[in-house]
N, C-alpha and C. Protein backbone atom coordinates (compact mmCIF):
# COMPACT_ATOMS: atom_id res chain seq x y z
N MET A 1 0.83 -1.19 0.00
CA MET A 1 0.00 0.00 0.00
C MET A 1 0.87 1.25 0.00
N ILE A 2 1.93 1.24 0.81
CA ILE A 2 2.79 2.42 0.88
C ILE A 2 3.39 2.71 -0.48
N LYS A 3 3.90 1.69 -1.13
CA LYS A 3 4.51 1.85 -2.45
C LYS A 3 3.48 2.38 -3.46
N ALA A 4 2.29 1.82 -3.41
CA ALA A 4 1.23 2.24 -4.34
C ALA A 4 0.86 3.70 -4.12
N TYR A 5 0.69 4.09 -2.85
CA TYR A 5 0.31 5.48 -2.59
C TYR A 5 1.44 6.46 -2.85
N LEU A 6 2.67 6.04 -2.69
CA LEU A 6 3.78 6.92 -3.07
C LEU A 6 3.76 7.17 -4.57
N ALA A 7 3.50 6.12 -5.34
CA ALA A 7 3.41 6.28 -6.80
C ALA A 7 2.22 7.16 -7.17
N LEU A 8 1.08 6.97 -6.50
CA LEU A 8 -0.09 7.81 -6.76
C LEU A 8 0.18 9.26 -6.39
N HIS A 9 0.89 9.47 -5.29
CA HIS A 9 1.26 10.83 -4.88
C HIS A 9 2.16 11.48 -5.92
N GLN A 10 3.15 10.75 -6.39
CA GLN A 10 4.06 11.28 -7.41
C GLN A 10 3.32 11.60 -8.71
N ALA A 11 2.27 10.85 -8.98
CA ALA A 11 1.46 11.09 -10.18
C ALA A 11 0.46 12.23 -9.96
N GLY A 12 0.37 12.73 -8.72
CA GLY A 12 -0.55 13.83 -8.43
C GLY A 12 -1.97 13.39 -8.16
N THR A 13 -2.17 12.10 -7.91
CA THR A 13 -3.52 11.56 -7.71
C THR A 13 -3.86 11.38 -6.24
N ALA A 14 -2.90 10.92 -5.43
CA ALA A 14 -3.16 10.72 -4.00
C ALA A 14 -3.13 12.07 -3.29
N ILE A 15 -4.01 12.21 -2.32
CA ILE A 15 -4.09 13.45 -1.57
C ILE A 15 -4.40 13.09 -0.12
N SER A 16 -3.89 13.90 0.79
CA SER A 16 -4.17 13.66 2.21
C SER A 16 -4.43 14.98 2.92
N PHE A 17 -5.13 14.88 4.03
CA PHE A 17 -5.41 16.02 4.88
C PHE A 17 -5.08 15.58 6.30
N GLU A 18 -4.35 16.43 7.02
CA GLU A 18 -3.89 16.07 8.35
C GLU A 18 -4.30 17.13 9.37
N ALA A 19 -4.32 16.68 10.63
CA ALA A 19 -4.53 17.58 11.76
C ALA A 19 -3.25 17.53 12.60
N PHE A 20 -2.71 18.72 12.89
CA PHE A 20 -1.47 18.84 13.65
C PHE A 20 -1.69 19.75 14.85
N SER A 21 -0.87 19.56 15.88
CA SER A 21 -0.78 20.48 17.00
C SER A 21 0.68 20.52 17.43
N ASP A 22 1.24 21.72 17.47
CA ASP A 22 2.66 21.88 17.83
C ASP A 22 3.56 20.96 16.99
N ASN A 23 3.32 20.94 15.68
CA ASN A 23 4.09 20.12 14.74
C ASN A 23 3.99 18.62 15.02
N ARG A 24 2.98 18.21 15.74
CA ARG A 24 2.76 16.79 16.03
C ARG A 24 1.52 16.32 15.29
N LEU A 25 1.66 15.26 14.50
CA LEU A 25 0.53 14.71 13.77
C LEU A 25 -0.48 14.11 14.75
N LEU A 26 -1.72 14.57 14.64
CA LEU A 26 -2.79 14.07 15.50
C LEU A 26 -3.67 13.06 14.78
N GLY A 27 -3.77 13.22 13.47
CA GLY A 27 -4.60 12.32 12.69
C GLY A 27 -4.79 12.87 11.30
N GLY A 28 -5.50 12.12 10.48
CA GLY A 28 -5.75 12.57 9.13
C GLY A 28 -6.50 11.55 8.31
N LEU A 29 -6.55 11.81 7.03
CA LEU A 29 -7.19 10.90 6.09
C LEU A 29 -6.48 11.00 4.76
N TYR A 30 -6.61 9.95 3.97
CA TYR A 30 -6.01 9.99 2.64
C TYR A 30 -6.90 9.23 1.66
N GLY A 31 -6.67 9.51 0.40
CA GLY A 31 -7.43 8.85 -0.65
C GLY A 31 -6.91 9.27 -2.00
N VAL A 32 -7.72 9.05 -3.00
CA VAL A 32 -7.35 9.32 -4.38
C VAL A 32 -8.33 10.31 -4.97
N LYS A 33 -7.80 11.31 -5.66
CA LYS A 33 -8.62 12.29 -6.36
C LYS A 33 -8.55 12.00 -7.85
N ILE A 34 -9.70 11.70 -8.41
CA ILE A 34 -9.80 11.47 -9.85
C ILE A 34 -10.82 12.46 -10.38
N GLY A 35 -10.38 13.31 -11.28
CA GLY A 35 -11.27 14.36 -11.76
C GLY A 35 -11.67 15.25 -10.60
N LYS A 36 -12.97 15.36 -10.38
CA LYS A 36 -13.47 16.21 -9.29
C LYS A 36 -14.04 15.39 -8.14
N VAL A 37 -13.59 14.12 -8.04
CA VAL A 37 -14.08 13.23 -6.99
C VAL A 37 -12.92 12.82 -6.09
N PHE A 38 -13.13 12.91 -4.78
CA PHE A 38 -12.17 12.39 -3.81
C PHE A 38 -12.73 11.08 -3.28
N PHE A 39 -11.99 10.00 -3.50
CA PHE A 39 -12.37 8.67 -3.02
C PHE A 39 -11.56 8.40 -1.75
N GLY A 40 -12.22 8.49 -0.59
CA GLY A 40 -11.53 8.28 0.68
C GLY A 40 -11.09 6.85 0.83
N GLU A 41 -9.86 6.65 1.26
CA GLU A 41 -9.31 5.31 1.47
C GLU A 41 -9.29 4.94 2.95
N SER A 42 -8.73 5.83 3.78
CA SER A 42 -8.60 5.49 5.19
C SER A 42 -8.44 6.76 6.03
N MET A 43 -8.80 6.61 7.31
CA MET A 43 -8.64 7.70 8.27
C MET A 43 -7.89 7.15 9.47
N VAL A 44 -7.14 8.02 10.14
CA VAL A 44 -6.42 7.61 11.34
C VAL A 44 -6.51 8.73 12.37
N SER A 45 -6.68 8.33 13.62
CA SER A 45 -6.70 9.29 14.73
C SER A 45 -5.73 8.82 15.80
N LEU A 46 -4.75 9.64 16.08
CA LEU A 46 -3.84 9.35 17.18
C LEU A 46 -4.35 9.94 18.48
N VAL A 47 -5.28 10.88 18.36
CA VAL A 47 -6.03 11.42 19.49
C VAL A 47 -7.50 11.44 19.07
N PRO A 48 -8.43 11.41 20.00
CA PRO A 48 -9.85 11.37 19.64
C PRO A 48 -10.25 12.50 18.68
N ASP A 49 -10.98 12.12 17.64
CA ASP A 49 -11.61 13.03 16.68
C ASP A 49 -10.65 13.76 15.75
N ALA A 50 -9.37 13.43 15.75
CA ALA A 50 -8.42 14.13 14.87
C ALA A 50 -8.73 13.87 13.40
N SER A 51 -9.13 12.65 13.06
CA SER A 51 -9.46 12.38 11.66
C SER A 51 -10.71 13.15 11.24
N LYS A 52 -11.62 13.38 12.18
CA LYS A 52 -12.81 14.17 11.88
C LYS A 52 -12.43 15.62 11.59
N ALA A 53 -11.44 16.14 12.33
CA ALA A 53 -10.96 17.50 12.06
C ALA A 53 -10.33 17.57 10.68
N ALA A 54 -9.60 16.54 10.29
CA ALA A 54 -8.98 16.50 8.96
C ALA A 54 -10.05 16.44 7.87
N LEU A 55 -11.11 15.68 8.11
CA LEU A 55 -12.20 15.61 7.15
C LEU A 55 -12.90 16.96 7.03
N ALA A 56 -13.08 17.65 8.15
CA ALA A 56 -13.67 18.98 8.10
C ALA A 56 -12.80 19.92 7.27
N LYS A 57 -11.48 19.79 7.38
CA LYS A 57 -10.55 20.60 6.58
C LYS A 57 -10.72 20.27 5.11
N LEU A 58 -10.84 18.99 4.77
CA LEU A 58 -11.08 18.60 3.38
C LEU A 58 -12.35 19.27 2.87
N CYS A 59 -13.41 19.26 3.66
CA CYS A 59 -14.66 19.89 3.24
C CYS A 59 -14.47 21.39 3.01
N GLN A 60 -13.71 22.04 3.89
CA GLN A 60 -13.45 23.48 3.75
C GLN A 60 -12.63 23.79 2.50
N GLU A 61 -11.71 22.91 2.13
CA GLU A 61 -10.80 23.16 1.01
C GLU A 61 -11.24 22.49 -0.30
N ALA A 62 -12.43 21.91 -0.31
CA ALA A 62 -12.89 21.18 -1.49
C ALA A 62 -12.89 22.06 -2.75
N ASP A 63 -13.36 23.28 -2.65
CA ASP A 63 -13.38 24.17 -3.82
C ASP A 63 -11.97 24.43 -4.33
N PHE A 64 -11.04 24.70 -3.41
CA PHE A 64 -9.65 24.98 -3.80
C PHE A 64 -9.05 23.80 -4.57
N HIS A 65 -9.38 22.57 -4.13
CA HIS A 65 -8.84 21.37 -4.77
C HIS A 65 -9.73 20.86 -5.91
N GLN A 66 -10.75 21.64 -6.24
CA GLN A 66 -11.70 21.30 -7.31
C GLN A 66 -12.34 19.93 -7.06
N ILE A 67 -12.79 19.74 -5.82
CA ILE A 67 -13.48 18.51 -5.44
C ILE A 67 -14.96 18.83 -5.31
N GLU A 68 -15.78 18.14 -6.08
CA GLU A 68 -17.22 18.36 -6.03
C GLU A 68 -17.97 17.22 -5.34
N LEU A 69 -17.31 16.07 -5.20
CA LEU A 69 -17.94 14.92 -4.56
C LEU A 69 -16.90 14.20 -3.72
N ILE A 70 -17.26 13.89 -2.48
CA ILE A 70 -16.39 13.13 -1.59
C ILE A 70 -17.06 11.79 -1.33
N ASP A 71 -16.38 10.72 -1.72
CA ASP A 71 -16.88 9.37 -1.46
C ASP A 71 -16.36 8.94 -0.10
N CYS A 72 -17.23 9.04 0.91
CA CYS A 72 -16.85 8.70 2.29
C CYS A 72 -17.08 7.22 2.60
N GLN A 73 -17.82 6.55 1.79
CA GLN A 73 -18.09 5.12 1.86
C GLN A 73 -19.05 4.71 2.98
N ILE A 74 -18.89 5.22 4.19
CA ILE A 74 -19.72 4.79 5.32
C ILE A 74 -20.45 6.00 5.91
N PRO A 75 -21.78 5.99 5.89
CA PRO A 75 -22.51 7.13 6.46
C PRO A 75 -22.45 7.13 7.99
N THR A 76 -22.17 8.31 8.55
CA THR A 76 -22.15 8.47 10.01
C THR A 76 -22.85 9.77 10.38
N SER A 77 -23.21 9.92 11.64
CA SER A 77 -23.85 11.16 12.07
C SER A 77 -22.88 12.34 11.94
N HIS A 78 -21.59 12.10 12.15
CA HIS A 78 -20.61 13.18 11.99
C HIS A 78 -20.57 13.65 10.54
N LEU A 79 -20.57 12.72 9.59
CA LEU A 79 -20.56 13.12 8.18
C LEU A 79 -21.81 13.91 7.84
N HIS A 80 -22.95 13.50 8.38
CA HIS A 80 -24.19 14.25 8.15
C HIS A 80 -24.07 15.66 8.74
N SER A 81 -23.39 15.80 9.88
CA SER A 81 -23.23 17.13 10.47
C SER A 81 -22.36 18.04 9.63
N LEU A 82 -21.53 17.44 8.76
CA LEU A 82 -20.69 18.22 7.85
C LEU A 82 -21.39 18.48 6.50
N GLY A 83 -22.62 18.01 6.38
CA GLY A 83 -23.37 18.25 5.16
C GLY A 83 -23.44 17.06 4.22
N ALA A 84 -22.92 15.92 4.63
CA ALA A 84 -22.95 14.73 3.78
C ALA A 84 -24.37 14.19 3.69
N SER A 85 -24.63 13.53 2.58
CA SER A 85 -25.92 12.87 2.43
C SER A 85 -25.71 11.56 1.66
N LEU A 86 -26.54 10.62 1.95
CA LEU A 86 -26.47 9.32 1.30
C LEU A 86 -27.15 9.42 -0.06
N ILE A 87 -26.50 8.87 -1.09
CA ILE A 87 -27.11 8.86 -2.42
C ILE A 87 -27.20 7.42 -2.89
N THR A 88 -28.09 7.18 -3.84
CA THR A 88 -28.25 5.82 -4.37
C THR A 88 -27.04 5.44 -5.22
N ARG A 89 -26.87 4.16 -5.41
CA ARG A 89 -25.79 3.67 -6.27
C ARG A 89 -25.93 4.25 -7.68
N GLU A 90 -27.14 4.30 -8.18
CA GLU A 90 -27.37 4.83 -9.52
C GLU A 90 -26.94 6.29 -9.62
N GLU A 91 -27.30 7.10 -8.62
CA GLU A 91 -26.89 8.50 -8.62
C GLU A 91 -25.38 8.63 -8.49
N PHE A 92 -24.78 7.79 -7.65
CA PHE A 92 -23.33 7.81 -7.48
C PHE A 92 -22.63 7.53 -8.81
N ILE A 93 -23.06 6.50 -9.49
CA ILE A 93 -22.45 6.15 -10.78
C ILE A 93 -22.64 7.27 -11.79
N GLU A 94 -23.83 7.84 -11.82
CA GLU A 94 -24.10 8.96 -12.74
C GLU A 94 -23.19 10.15 -12.43
N ARG A 95 -23.07 10.48 -11.16
CA ARG A 95 -22.25 11.65 -10.78
C ARG A 95 -20.77 11.41 -11.03
N ILE A 96 -20.25 10.24 -10.68
CA ILE A 96 -18.82 10.03 -10.91
C ILE A 96 -18.50 9.92 -12.40
N THR A 97 -19.43 9.40 -13.17
CA THR A 97 -19.21 9.34 -14.62
C THR A 97 -18.98 10.73 -15.18
N THR A 98 -19.74 11.70 -14.70
CA THR A 98 -19.60 13.08 -15.14
C THR A 98 -18.37 13.74 -14.54
N LEU A 99 -18.12 13.51 -13.25
CA LEU A 99 -17.09 14.25 -12.54
C LEU A 99 -15.67 13.72 -12.72
N ILE A 100 -15.50 12.47 -13.15
CA ILE A 100 -14.14 11.96 -13.31
C ILE A 100 -13.58 12.20 -14.71
N SER A 101 -14.41 12.66 -15.60
CA SER A 101 -13.92 12.88 -16.97
C SER A 101 -13.21 14.21 -17.12
């Protein structure tokens, strides 16, 4: 996985968002950006809720990174509090077909 994500990063496809305090990594998330879609791969928290803070940062910076859809994979109340909504498989396929081109 490390080798694969290093190659994806070098290709400009892998992206990550982290939460730091005093130059210490607290948590984050990473995934792959294809077109205007961010496909989340994994989240890590070294302290409670740090990955949630990193996800909130991703949501704040989505326009800057030209991200129109975030595939979070698993619906949670926290994601809903950030504005996420569950969509059907059909809608997901339709949206990614448009957004990854």
